Amino acid sequence: MLPCMFKKLFGIDCLGCGFQRSFILLCKGEFANAFHMFPAIYTSVLFFILLGLHLTDKSRNYSKWVISFAIINAIIMVISYIYKMSFLFN
């Protein structure tokens, strides 16, 4: 697994910390554990699928979907990060 450079430099998790472990849990079929590890896993996977379709299938326009899922994903990541950090420092 790739190390998080943000965590190595600053000693705290970044917004994406847990994605790799969560994706591995998702591939193993441990859906609830994947969500608990990284709550934005499902929107991230959908985002990457739509991004791949947008880059490969030029006959259809996926840009609105890609932007929508990017915004939704960012909101979920920020909320879960704030939630995780509030319990870490309390």
Protein backbone atom coordinates (compact mmCIF):
# COMPACT_ATOMS: atom_id res chain seq x y z
CA MET A 1 0.00 0.00 0.00
CA LEU A 2 1.15 3.51 -0.75
CA PRO A 3 2.02 5.61 2.29
CA CYS A 4 0.24 8.92 2.86
CA MET A 5 2.83 11.67 2.48
CA PHE A 6 0.58 14.20 4.24
CA LYS A 7 0.37 11.95 7.29
CA LYS A 8 4.14 11.35 7.24
CA LEU A 9 4.87 15.08 7.07
CA PHE A 10 2.23 16.46 9.45
CA GLY A 11 1.29 13.49 11.60
CA ILE A 12 -2.47 13.69 10.96
CA ASP A 13 -4.75 12.04 8.41
CA CYS A 14 -5.56 13.73 5.12
CA LEU A 15 -8.99 13.83 3.45
CA GLY A 16 -8.22 10.68 1.48
CA CYS A 17 -6.69 8.60 4.25
CA GLY A 18 -8.38 5.22 4.35
CA PHE A 19 -9.33 5.07 0.66
CA GLN A 20 -6.88 2.28 -0.23
CA ARG A 21 -7.84 0.10 2.72
CA SER A 22 -11.51 0.81 2.10
CA PHE A 23 -11.21 -0.14 -1.58
CA ILE A 24 -9.54 -3.42 -0.64
CA LEU A 25 -12.34 -4.15 1.84
CA LEU A 26 -14.87 -3.32 -0.88
CA CYS A 27 -13.18 -5.76 -3.27
CA LYS A 28 -13.32 -8.45 -0.57
CA GLY A 29 -17.06 -7.88 -0.20
CA GLU A 30 -16.89 -6.26 3.23
CA PHE A 31 -19.20 -3.38 2.31
CA ALA A 32 -20.02 -2.10 5.82
CA ASN A 33 -16.37 -2.17 6.90
CA ALA A 34 -15.39 -0.33 3.72
CA PHE A 35 -17.90 2.40 4.51
CA HIS A 36 -16.69 2.70 8.10
CA MET A 37 -13.07 2.94 6.95
CA PHE A 38 -13.80 5.67 4.36
CA PRO A 39 -17.39 6.93 4.08
CA ALA A 40 -16.89 8.40 0.61
CA ILE A 41 -15.87 5.05 -0.93
CA TYR A 42 -19.07 4.48 -2.88
CA THR A 43 -19.24 7.97 -4.35
CA SER A 44 -15.51 7.78 -5.13
CA VAL A 45 -15.92 4.53 -7.04
CA LEU A 46 -18.90 5.94 -8.96
CA PHE A 47 -16.92 9.10 -9.67
CA PHE A 48 -13.98 7.15 -11.10
CA ILE A 49 -16.29 4.98 -13.22
CA LEU A 50 -18.03 8.06 -14.62
CA LEU A 51 -14.69 9.78 -15.18
CA GLY A 52 -13.47 6.74 -17.10
CA LEU A 53 -16.64 6.74 -19.21
CA HIS A 54 -16.27 10.46 -19.83
CA LEU A 55 -12.70 10.00 -21.04
CA THR A 56 -13.35 6.94 -23.21
CA ASP A 57 -16.91 7.31 -24.54
CA LYS A 58 -16.89 10.50 -26.60
CA SER A 59 -20.36 9.86 -28.06
CA ARG A 60 -22.07 10.79 -24.78
CA ASN A 61 -21.60 13.75 -22.49
CA TYR A 62 -20.90 12.69 -18.90
CA SER A 63 -19.54 16.04 -17.71
CA LYS A 64 -22.60 16.98 -15.62
CA TRP A 65 -22.51 13.61 -13.87
CA VAL A 66 -18.76 13.81 -13.27
CA ILE A 67 -19.05 17.30 -11.78
CA SER A 68 -22.06 16.30 -9.65
CA PHE A 69 -20.33 13.25 -8.21
CA ALA A 70 -17.12 15.22 -7.64
CA ILE A 71 -19.04 17.78 -5.58
CA ILE A 72 -20.99 15.13 -3.65
CA ASN A 73 -17.79 13.20 -3.01
CA ALA A 74 -15.96 16.30 -1.78
CA ILE A 75 -18.79 17.18 0.60
CA ILE A 76 -18.87 13.66 2.06
CA MET A 77 -15.08 13.63 2.42
CA VAL A 78 -15.00 16.98 4.24
CA ILE A 79 -17.87 16.07 6.58
CA SER A 80 -16.36 12.69 7.45
CA TYR A 81 -12.92 14.29 7.94
CA ILE A 82 -14.31 16.89 10.34
CA TYR A 83 -16.19 14.16 12.19
CA LYS A 84 -13.05 12.00 12.45
CA MET A 85 -10.82 14.87 13.54
CA SER A 86 -13.31 16.10 16.14
CA PHE A 87 -13.12 12.71 17.89
CA LEU A 88 -9.35 12.54 17.50
CA PHE A 89 -8.66 15.83 19.26
CA ASN A 90 -11.32 15.51 21.99
